[in-house]
Amino acid sequence: MGIEEEVIKRLKNVKDPLTEENIVDMGMVVSIVEEEGEVKLYLELSRGAQGPFMNALTWPVQAKIVREVVAVLSDLGKVEILDARSFQRYYPGDD
């Protein structure tokens, strides 16, 4: 099994806290890129959040999803999580 298939399999265990549907079936996983032992994961975390007010309201949901993604992928080495629309980096945090 390749890294992309392994990541998809694991991400099926991460559920949106509002709908309880996994983030893969919801279409939140846009792209998985493996480069030089690093995995970059592009998620649609800001989907539907228009403007700063909506981003503030959805932040707790986004943070919970990111924490769960990090937990299920923690043993795969270096993983970077980015928003597919804004390219905001969620993990690892900015230094």
PDB file of N, CA and C in Angstrom:
ATOM      1  N   MET A   1       0.856  -1.192   0.000  1.00  0.00           N
ATOM      2  CA  MET A   1       0.000   0.000   0.000  1.00  0.00           C
ATOM      3  C   MET A   1       0.885   1.232   0.000  1.00  0.00           C
ATOM      4  N   GLY A   2       0.606   2.177  -0.918  1.00  0.00           N
ATOM      5  CA  GLY A   2       1.357   3.420  -0.991  1.00  0.00           C
ATOM      6  C   GLY A   2       0.963   4.375   0.122  1.00  0.00           C
ATOM      7  N   ILE A   3       1.755   5.425   0.269  1.00  0.00           N
ATOM      8  CA  ILE A   3       1.502   6.395   1.345  1.00  0.00           C
ATOM      9  C   ILE A   3       0.154   7.084   1.185  1.00  0.00           C
ATOM     10  N   GLU A   4      -0.231   7.403  -0.053  1.00  0.00           N
ATOM     11  CA  GLU A   4      -1.512   8.086  -0.254  1.00  0.00           C
ATOM     12  C   GLU A   4      -2.673   7.199   0.194  1.00  0.00           C
ATOM     13  N   GLU A   5      -2.623   5.934  -0.170  1.00  0.00           N
ATOM     14  CA  GLU A   5      -3.691   5.012   0.236  1.00  0.00           C
ATOM     15  C   GLU A   5      -3.729   4.844   1.746  1.00  0.00           C
ATOM     16  N   GLU A   6      -2.544   4.784   2.377  1.00  0.00           N
ATOM     17  CA  GLU A   6      -2.474   4.653   3.834  1.00  0.00           C
ATOM     18  C   GLU A   6      -3.050   5.883   4.521  1.00  0.00           C
ATOM     19  N   VAL A   7      -2.716   7.067   4.013  1.00  0.00           N
ATOM     20  CA  VAL A   7      -3.228   8.310   4.592  1.00  0.00           C
ATOM     21  C   VAL A   7      -4.751   8.357   4.457  1.00  0.00           C
ATOM     22  N   ILE A   8      -5.272   8.031   3.278  1.00  0.00           N
ATOM     23  CA  ILE A   8      -6.731   8.027   3.069  1.00  0.00           C
ATOM     24  C   ILE A   8      -7.407   7.062   4.042  1.00  0.00           C
ATOM     25  N   LYS A   9      -6.844   5.879   4.177  1.00  0.00           N
ATOM     26  CA  LYS A   9      -7.410   4.874   5.092  1.00  0.00           C
ATOM     27  C   LYS A   9      -7.491   5.421   6.521  1.00  0.00           C
ATOM     28  N   ARG A  10      -6.425   6.060   6.960  1.00  0.00           N
ATOM     29  CA  ARG A  10      -6.399   6.602   8.324  1.00  0.00           C
ATOM     30  C   ARG A  10      -7.339   7.792   8.483  1.00  0.00           C
ATOM     31  N   LEU A  11      -7.413   8.637   7.450  1.00  0.00           N
ATOM     32  CA  LEU A  11      -8.271   9.826   7.544  1.00  0.00           C
ATOM     33  C   LEU A  11      -9.751   9.473   7.587  1.00  0.00           C
ATOM     34  N   LYS A  12     -10.111   8.278   7.181  1.00  0.00           N
ATOM     35  CA  LYS A  12     -11.512   7.853   7.282  1.00  0.00           C
ATOM     36  C   LYS A  12     -11.947   7.711   8.738  1.00  0.00           C
ATOM     37  N   ASN A  13     -10.984   7.735   9.661  1.00  0.00           N
ATOM     38  CA  ASN A  13     -11.298   7.684  11.096  1.00  0.00           C
ATOM     39  C   ASN A  13     -11.494   9.070  11.698  1.00  0.00           C
ATOM     40  N   VAL A  14     -11.237  10.114  10.913  1.00  0.00           N
ATOM     41  CA  VAL A  14     -11.405  11.498  11.393  1.00  0.00           C
ATOM     42  C   VAL A  14     -12.779  11.977  10.972  1.00  0.00           C
ATOM     43  N   LYS A  15     -13.580  12.370  11.947  1.00  0.00           N
ATOM     44  CA  LYS A  15     -14.953  12.763  11.666  1.00  0.00           C
ATOM     45  C   LYS A  15     -15.169  14.258  11.917  1.00  0.00           C
ATOM     46  N   ASP A  16     -15.997  14.852  11.089  1.00  0.00           N
ATOM     47  CA  ASP A  16     -16.435  16.224  11.317  1.00  0.00           C
ATOM     48  C   ASP A  16     -17.273  16.200  12.590  1.00  0.00           C
ATOM     49  N   PRO A  17     -16.946  17.022  13.586  1.00  0.00           N
ATOM     50  CA  PRO A  17     -17.682  16.974  14.854  1.00  0.00           C
ATOM     51  C   PRO A  17     -19.149  17.380  14.741  1.00  0.00           C
ATOM     52  N   LEU A  18     -19.514  18.099  13.691  1.00  0.00           N
ATOM     53  CA  LEU A  18     -20.905  18.524  13.544  1.00  0.00           C
ATOM     54  C   LEU A  18     -21.769  17.477  12.846  1.00  0.00           C
ATOM     55  N   THR A  19     -21.198  16.796  11.852  1.00  0.00           N
ATOM     56  CA  THR A  19     -21.992  15.847  11.063  1.00  0.00           C
ATOM     57  C   THR A  19     -21.690  14.393  11.393  1.00  0.00           C
ATOM     58  N   GLU A  20     -20.538  14.147  12.038  1.00  0.00           N
ATOM     59  CA  GLU A  20     -20.063  12.791  12.357  1.00  0.00           C
ATOM     60  C   GLU A  20     -19.705  11.992  11.099  1.00  0.00           C
ATOM     61  N   GLU A  21     -19.652  12.653   9.937  1.00  0.00           N
ATOM     62  CA  GLU A  21     -19.228  12.000   8.704  1.00  0.00           C
ATOM     63  C   GLU A  21     -17.704  12.135   8.601  1.00  0.00           C
ATOM     64  N   ASN A  22     -17.032  11.104   8.042  1.00  0.00           N
ATOM     65  CA  ASN A  22     -15.577  11.205   7.959  1.00  0.00           C
ATOM     66  C   ASN A  22     -15.175  12.223   6.893  1.00  0.00           C
ATOM     67  N   ILE A  23     -13.993  12.815   7.098  1.00  0.00           N
ATOM     68  CA  ILE A  23     -13.577  13.924   6.243  1.00  0.00           C
ATOM     69  C   ILE A  23     -13.256  13.483   4.816  1.00  0.00           C
ATOM     70  N   VAL A  24     -12.968  12.210   4.601  1.00  0.00           N
ATOM     71  CA  VAL A  24     -12.714  11.715   3.245  1.00  0.00           C
ATOM     72  C   VAL A  24     -14.016  11.691   2.458  1.00  0.00           C
ATOM     73  N   ASP A  25     -15.051  11.083   3.027  1.00  0.00           N
ATOM     74  CA  ASP A  25     -16.339  10.998   2.337  1.00  0.00           C
ATOM     75  C   ASP A  25     -16.985  12.364   2.159  1.00  0.00           C
ATOM     76  N   MET A  26     -16.660  13.315   3.046  1.00  0.00           N
ATOM     77  CA  MET A  26     -17.185  14.677   2.918  1.00  0.00           C
ATOM     78  C   MET A  26     -16.498  15.451   1.800  1.00  0.00           C
ATOM     79  N   GLY A  27     -15.409  14.939   1.290  1.00  0.00           N
ATOM     80  CA  GLY A  27     -14.674  15.634   0.243  1.00  0.00           C
ATOM     81  C   GLY A  27     -13.733  16.705   0.757  1.00  0.00           C
ATOM     82  N   MET A  28     -13.379  16.652   2.034  1.00  0.00           N
ATOM     83  CA  MET A  28     -12.485  17.652   2.608  1.00  0.00           C
ATOM     84  C   MET A  28     -11.028  17.422   2.235  1.00  0.00           C
ATOM     85  N   VAL A  29     -10.681  16.190   1.858  1.00  0.00           N
ATOM     86  CA  VAL A  29      -9.302  15.878   1.483  1.00  0.00           C
ATOM     87  C   VAL A  29      -9.148  16.191  -0.001  1.00  0.00           C
ATOM     88  N   VAL A  30      -8.389  17.225  -0.305  1.00  0.00           N
ATOM     89  CA  VAL A  30      -8.229  17.685  -1.676  1.00  0.00           C
ATOM     90  C   VAL A  30      -7.014  17.032  -2.328  1.00  0.00           C
ATOM     91  N   SER A  31      -5.904  16.971  -1.595  1.00  0.00           N
ATOM     92  CA  SER A  31      -4.669  16.462  -2.185  1.00  0.00           C
ATOM     93  C   SER A  31      -3.733  15.946  -1.103  1.00  0.00           C
ATOM     94  N   ILE A  32      -3.000  14.894  -1.451  1.00  0.00           N
ATOM     95  CA  ILE A  32      -1.955  14.346  -0.590  1.00  0.00           C
ATOM     96  C   ILE A  32      -0.694  14.310  -1.438  1.00  0.00           C
ATOM     97  N   VAL A  33       0.337  15.018  -0.997  1.00  0.00           N
ATOM     98  CA  VAL A  33       1.579  15.103  -1.758  1.00  0.00           C
ATOM     99  C   VAL A  33       2.712  14.576  -0.895  1.00  0.00           C
ATOM    100  N   GLU A  34       3.450  13.599  -1.441  1.00  0.00           N
ATOM    101  CA  GLU A  34       4.615  13.070  -0.736  1.00  0.00           C
ATOM    102  C   GLU A  34       5.860  13.547  -1.461  1.00  0.00           C
ATOM    103  N   GLU A  35       6.734  14.225  -0.723  1.00  0.00           N
ATOM    104  CA  GLU A  35       7.991  14.724  -1.271  1.00  0.00           C
ATOM    105  C   GLU A  35       9.099  14.518  -0.261  1.00  0.00           C
ATOM    106  N   GLU A  36      10.130  13.787  -0.673  1.00  0.00           N
ATOM    107  CA  GLU A  36      11.324  13.615   0.157  1.00  0.00           C
ATOM    108  C   GLU A  36      10.997  13.225   1.594  1.00  0.00           C
ATOM    109  N   GLY A  37      10.125  12.249   1.776  1.00  0.00           N
ATOM    110  CA  GLY A  37       9.788  11.761   3.100  1.00  0.00           C
ATOM    111  C   GLY A  37       8.830  12.629   3.889  1.00  0.00           C
ATOM    112  N   GLU A  38       8.304  13.666   3.275  1.00  0.00           N
ATOM    113  CA  GLU A  38       7.348  14.562   3.930  1.00  0.00           C
ATOM    114  C   GLU A  38       5.996  14.423   3.248  1.00  0.00           C
ATOM    115  N   VAL A  39       4.933  14.460   4.043  1.00  0.00           N
ATOM    116  CA  VAL A  39       3.578  14.400   3.502  1.00  0.00           C
ATOM    117  C   VAL A  39       2.926  15.765   3.691  1.00  0.00           C
ATOM    118  N   LYS A  40       2.439  16.337   2.574  1.00  0.00           N
ATOM    119  CA  LYS A  40       1.667  17.577   2.643  1.00  0.00           C
ATOM    120  C   LYS A  40       0.221  17.206   2.362  1.00  0.00           C
ATOM    121  N   LEU A  41      -0.636  17.598   3.274  1.00  0.00           N
ATOM    122  CA  LEU A  41      -2.047  17.266   3.191  1.00  0.00           C
ATOM    123  C   LEU A  41      -2.836  18.559   3.010  1.00  0.00           C
ATOM    124  N   TYR A  42      -3.563  18.650   1.894  1.00  0.00           N
ATOM    125  CA  TYR A  42      -4.376  19.832   1.601  1.00  0.00           C
ATOM    126  C   TYR A  42      -5.840  19.488   1.895  1.00  0.00           C
ATOM    127  N   LEU A  43      -6.424  20.209   2.848  1.00  0.00           N
ATOM    128  CA  LEU A  43      -7.803  19.976   3.272  1.00  0.00           C
ATOM    129  C   LEU A  43      -8.646  21.216   3.018  1.00  0.00           C
ATOM    130  N   GLU A  44      -9.919  21.022   2.761  1.00  0.00           N
ATOM    131  CA  GLU A  44     -10.850  22.157   2.631  1.00  0.00           C
ATOM    132  C   GLU A  44     -11.411  22.493   4.009  1.00  0.00           C
ATOM    133  N   LEU A  45     -10.564  23.068   4.837  1.00  0.00           N
ATOM    134  CA  LEU A  45     -10.977  23.408   6.195  1.00  0.00           C
ATOM    135  C   LEU A  45     -11.814  24.676   6.243  1.00  0.00           C
ATOM    136  N   SER A  46     -11.609  25.586   5.305  1.00  0.00           N
ATOM    137  CA  SER A  46     -12.348  26.850   5.339  1.00  0.00           C
ATOM    138  C   SER A  46     -13.543  26.833   4.389  1.00  0.00           C
ATOM    139  N   ARG A  47     -13.910  25.660   3.897  1.00  0.00           N
ATOM    140  CA  ARG A  47     -15.039  25.554   2.966  1.00  0.00           C
ATOM    141  C   ARG A  47     -16.299  26.106   3.615  1.00  0.00           C
ATOM    142  N   GLY A  48     -16.960  27.001   2.944  1.00  0.00           N
ATOM    143  CA  GLY A  48     -18.210  27.560   3.442  1.00  0.00           C
ATOM    144  C   GLY A  48     -18.043  28.718   4.407  1.00  0.00           C
ATOM    145  N   ALA A  49     -16.806  28.973   4.846  1.00  0.00           N
ATOM    146  CA  ALA A  49     -16.565  30.071   5.784  1.00  0.00           C
ATOM    147  C   ALA A  49     -16.196  31.313   4.995  1.00  0.00           C
ATOM    148  N   GLN A  50     -17.131  32.225   4.871  1.00  0.00           N
ATOM    149  CA  GLN A  50     -16.921  33.453   4.118  1.00  0.00           C
ATOM    150  C   GLN A  50     -16.696  34.611   5.084  1.00  0.00           C
ATOM    151  N   GLY A  51     -15.517  35.157   5.063  1.00  0.00           N
ATOM    152  CA  GLY A  51     -15.207  36.330   5.876  1.00  0.00           C
ATOM    153  C   GLY A  51     -14.704  35.986   7.262  1.00  0.00           C
ATOM    154  N   PRO A  52     -14.144  36.979   7.946  1.00  0.00           N
ATOM    155  CA  PRO A  52     -13.527  36.758   9.251  1.00  0.00           C
ATOM    156  C   PRO A  52     -14.497  36.265  10.323  1.00  0.00           C
ATOM    157  N   PHE A  53     -15.736  36.742  10.302  1.00  0.00           N
ATOM    158  CA  PHE A  53     -16.702  36.320  11.321  1.00  0.00           C
ATOM    159  C   PHE A  53     -16.991  34.831  11.216  1.00  0.00           C
ATOM    160  N   MET A  54     -17.244  34.339   9.994  1.00  0.00           N
ATOM    161  CA  MET A  54     -17.519  32.914   9.809  1.00  0.00           C
ATOM    162  C   MET A  54     -16.280  32.071  10.108  1.00  0.00           C
ATOM    163  N   ASN A  55     -15.100  32.591   9.755  1.00  0.00           N
ATOM    164  CA  ASN A  55     -13.873  31.868  10.093  1.00  0.00           C
ATOM    165  C   ASN A  55     -13.734  31.723  11.605  1.00  0.00           C
ATOM    166  N   ALA A  56     -14.074  32.765  12.331  1.00  0.00           N
ATOM    167  CA  ALA A  56     -13.995  32.705  13.793  1.00  0.00           C
ATOM    168  C   ALA A  56     -14.979  31.680  14.356  1.00  0.00           C
ATOM    169  N   LEU A  57     -16.157  31.609  13.776  1.00  0.00           N
ATOM    170  CA  LEU A  57     -17.153  30.650  14.252  1.00  0.00           C
ATOM    171  C   LEU A  57     -16.749  29.204  13.964  1.00  0.00           C
ATOM    172  N   THR A  58     -16.083  28.978  12.836  1.00  0.00           N
ATOM    173  CA  THR A  58     -15.727  27.607  12.461  1.00  0.00           C
ATOM    174  C   THR A  58     -14.366  27.178  13.001  1.00  0.00           C
ATOM    175  N   TRP A  59     -13.599  28.090  13.576  1.00  0.00           N
ATOM    176  CA  TRP A  59     -12.269  27.751  14.050  1.00  0.00           C
ATOM    177  C   TRP A  59     -12.245  26.568  15.021  1.00  0.00           C
ATOM    178  N   PRO A  60     -13.124  26.468  16.018  1.00  0.00           N
ATOM    179  CA  PRO A  60     -13.070  25.315  16.920  1.00  0.00           C
ATOM    180  C   PRO A  60     -13.261  23.977  16.195  1.00  0.00           C
ATOM    181  N   VAL A  61     -14.110  23.953  15.177  1.00  0.00           N
ATOM    182  CA  VAL A  61     -14.322  22.727  14.402  1.00  0.00           C
ATOM    183  C   VAL A  61     -13.065  22.402  13.607  1.00  0.00           C
ATOM    184  N   GLN A  62     -12.484  23.413  12.970  1.00  0.00           N
ATOM    185  CA  GLN A  62     -11.258  23.206  12.202  1.00  0.00           C
ATOM    186  C   GLN A  62     -10.135  22.699  13.099  1.00  0.00           C
ATOM    187  N   ALA A  63      -9.994  23.295  14.273  1.00  0.00           N
ATOM    188  CA  ALA A  63      -8.930  22.909  15.202  1.00  0.00           C
ATOM    189  C   ALA A  63      -9.102  21.462  15.658  1.00  0.00           C
ATOM    190  N   LYS A  64     -10.326  21.050  15.917  1.00  0.00           N
ATOM    191  CA  LYS A  64     -10.579  19.666  16.344  1.00  0.00           C
ATOM    192  C   LYS A  64     -10.218  18.689  15.228  1.00  0.00           C
ATOM    193  N   ILE A  65     -10.580  19.021  13.994  1.00  0.00           N
ATOM    194  CA  ILE A  65     -10.255  18.161  12.858  1.00  0.00           C
ATOM    195  C   ILE A  65      -8.740  18.060  12.698  1.00  0.00           C
ATOM    196  N   VAL A  66      -8.043  19.185  12.772  1.00  0.00           N
ATOM    197  CA  VAL A  66      -6.581  19.178  12.631  1.00  0.00           C
ATOM    198  C   VAL A  66      -5.948  18.326  13.723  1.00  0.00           C
ATOM    199  N   ARG A  67      -6.396  18.462  14.971  1.00  0.00           N
ATOM    200  CA  ARG A  67      -5.853  17.644  16.073  1.00  0.00           C
ATOM    201  C   ARG A  67      -6.044  16.160  15.796  1.00  0.00           C
ATOM    202  N   GLU A  68      -7.215  15.778  15.299  1.00  0.00           N
ATOM    203  CA  GLU A  68      -7.476  14.373  15.010  1.00  0.00           C
ATOM    204  C   GLU A  68      -6.647  13.876  13.829  1.00  0.00           C
ATOM    205  N   VAL A  69      -6.475  14.711  12.805  1.00  0.00           N
ATOM    206  CA  VAL A  69      -5.631  14.337  11.665  1.00  0.00           C
ATOM    207  C   VAL A  69      -4.197  14.102  12.140  1.00  0.00           C
ATOM    208  N   VAL A  70      -3.674  15.005  12.950  1.00  0.00           N
ATOM    209  CA  VAL A  70      -2.321  14.862  13.484  1.00  0.00           C
ATOM    210  C   VAL A  70      -2.207  13.557  14.274  1.00  0.00           C
ATOM    211  N   ALA A  71      -3.201  13.244  15.076  1.00  0.00           N
ATOM    212  CA  ALA A  71      -3.160  12.026  15.889  1.00  0.00           C
ATOM    213  C   ALA A  71      -3.115  10.762  15.031  1.00  0.00           C
ATOM    214  N   VAL A  72      -3.921  10.696  13.969  1.00  0.00           N
ATOM    215  CA  VAL A  72      -3.959   9.461  13.169  1.00  0.00           C
ATOM    216  C   VAL A  72      -2.758   9.334  12.236  1.00  0.00           C
ATOM    217  N   LEU A  73      -2.050  10.444  11.982  1.00  0.00           N
ATOM    218  CA  LEU A  73      -0.896  10.394  11.083  1.00  0.00           C
ATOM    219  C   LEU A  73       0.435  10.570  11.810  1.00  0.00           C
ATOM    220  N   SER A  74       0.414  10.597  13.130  1.00  0.00           N
ATOM    221  CA  SER A  74       1.593  10.958  13.917  1.00  0.00           C
ATOM    222  C   SER A  74       2.810  10.073  13.684  1.00  0.00           C
ATOM    223  N   ASP A  75       2.618   8.835  13.300  1.00  0.00           N
ATOM    224  CA  ASP A  75       3.758   7.935  13.142  1.00  0.00           C
ATOM    225  C   ASP A  75       4.285   7.879  11.701  1.00  0.00           C
ATOM    226  N   LEU A  76       3.778   8.728  10.818  1.00  0.00           N
ATOM    227  CA  LEU A  76       4.204   8.704   9.418  1.00  0.00           C
ATOM    228  C   LEU A  76       5.400   9.615   9.125  1.00  0.00           C
ATOM    229  N   GLY A  77       5.928  10.272  10.123  1.00  0.00           N
ATOM    230  CA  GLY A  77       7.026  11.192   9.891  1.00  0.00           C
ATOM    231  C   GLY A  77       6.514  12.614   9.808  1.00  0.00           C
ATOM    232  N   LYS A  78       7.195  13.435   9.005  1.00  0.00           N
ATOM    233  CA  LYS A  78       6.824  14.847   8.911  1.00  0.00           C
ATOM    234  C   LYS A  78       5.550  15.007   8.084  1.00  0.00           C
ATOM    235  N   VAL A  79       4.538  15.610   8.701  1.00  0.00           N
ATOM    236  CA  VAL A  79       3.259  15.867   8.048  1.00  0.00           C
ATOM    237  C   VAL A  79       2.961  17.354   8.158  1.00  0.00           C
ATOM    238  N   GLU A  80       2.541  17.939   7.051  1.00  0.00           N
ATOM    239  CA  GLU A  80       2.154  19.348   7.036  1.00  0.00           C
ATOM    240  C   GLU A  80       0.699  19.410   6.575  1.00  0.00           C
ATOM    241  N   ILE A  81      -0.130  20.182   7.285  1.00  0.00           N
ATOM    242  CA  ILE A  81      -1.546  20.319   6.947  1.00  0.00           C
ATOM    243  C   ILE A  81      -1.807  21.759   6.523  1.00  0.00           C
ATOM    244  N   LEU A  82      -2.370  21.905   5.316  1.00  0.00           N
ATOM    245  CA  LEU A  82      -2.654  23.223   4.765  1.00  0.00           C
ATOM    246  C   LEU A  82      -4.094  23.286   4.294  1.00  0.00           C
ATOM    247  N   ASP A  83      -4.656  24.490   4.323  1.00  0.00           N
ATOM    248  CA  ASP A  83      -5.983  24.702   3.767  1.00  0.00           C
ATOM    249  C   ASP A  83      -5.845  24.783   2.246  1.00  0.00           C
ATOM    250  N   ALA A  84      -6.641  24.019   1.536  1.00  0.00           N
ATOM    251  CA  ALA A  84      -6.535  23.931   0.079  1.00  0.00           C
ATOM    252  C   ALA A  84      -6.919  25.229  -0.618  1.00  0.00           C
ATOM    253  N   ARG A  85      -7.713  26.052   0.039  1.00  0.00           N
ATOM    254  CA  ARG A  85      -8.187  27.286  -0.589  1.00  0.00           C
ATOM    255  C   ARG A  85      -7.285  28.478  -0.273  1.00  0.00           C
ATOM    256  N   SER A  86      -6.927  28.621   0.984  1.00  0.00           N
ATOM    257  CA  SER A  86      -6.141  29.784   1.396  1.00  0.00           C
ATOM    258  C   SER A  86      -4.651  29.482   1.540  1.00  0.00           C
ATOM    259  N   PHE A  87      -4.299  28.203   1.543  1.00  0.00           N
ATOM    260  CA  PHE A  87      -2.928  27.727   1.780  1.00  0.00           C
ATOM    261  C   PHE A  87      -2.434  28.084   3.173  1.00  0.00           C
ATOM    262  N   GLN A  88      -3.362  28.419   4.080  1.00  0.00           N
ATOM    263  CA  GLN A  88      -2.984  28.654   5.462  1.00  0.00           C
ATOM    264  C   GLN A  88      -2.451  27.348   6.029  1.00  0.00           C
ATOM    265  N   ARG A  89      -1.340  27.446   6.719  1.00  0.00           N
ATOM    266  CA  ARG A  89      -0.721  26.270   7.315  1.00  0.00           C
ATOM    267  C   ARG A  89      -1.293  26.069   8.717  1.00  0.00           C
ATOM    268  N   TYR A  90      -1.854  24.897   8.959  1.00  0.00           N
ATOM    269  CA  TYR A  90      -2.442  24.579  10.260  1.00  0.00           C
ATOM    270  C   TYR A  90      -1.503  23.749  11.129  1.00  0.00           C
ATOM    271  N   TYR A  91      -0.681  22.923  10.489  1.00  0.00           N
ATOM    272  CA  TYR A  91       0.217  22.068  11.251  1.00  0.00           C
ATOM    273  C   TYR A  91       1.422  21.751  10.397  1.00  0.00           C
ATOM    274  N   PRO A  92       2.631  21.791  10.909  1.00  0.00           N
ATOM    275  CA  PRO A  92       2.922  22.281  12.268  1.00  0.00           C
ATOM    276  C   PRO A  92       2.693  23.778  12.348  1.00  0.00           C
ATOM    277  N   GLY A  93       2.543  24.255  13.549  1.00  0.00           N
ATOM    278  CA  GLY A  93       2.279  25.675  13.738  1.00  0.00           C
ATOM    279  C   GLY A  93       3.440  26.525  13.273  1.00  0.00           C
ATOM    280  N   ASP A  94       3.153  27.755  12.955  1.00  0.00           N
ATOM    281  CA  ASP A  94       4.207  28.680  12.544  1.00  0.00           C
ATOM    282  C   ASP A  94       5.132  28.951  13.725  1.00  0.00           C
ATOM    283  N   ASP A  95       6.420  29.029  13.420  1.00  0.00           N
ATOM    284  CA  ASP A  95       7.424  29.273  14.476  1.00  0.00           C
ATOM    285  C   ASP A  95       7.524  30.731  14.818  1.00  0.00           C
TER     286      ASP A  95
END
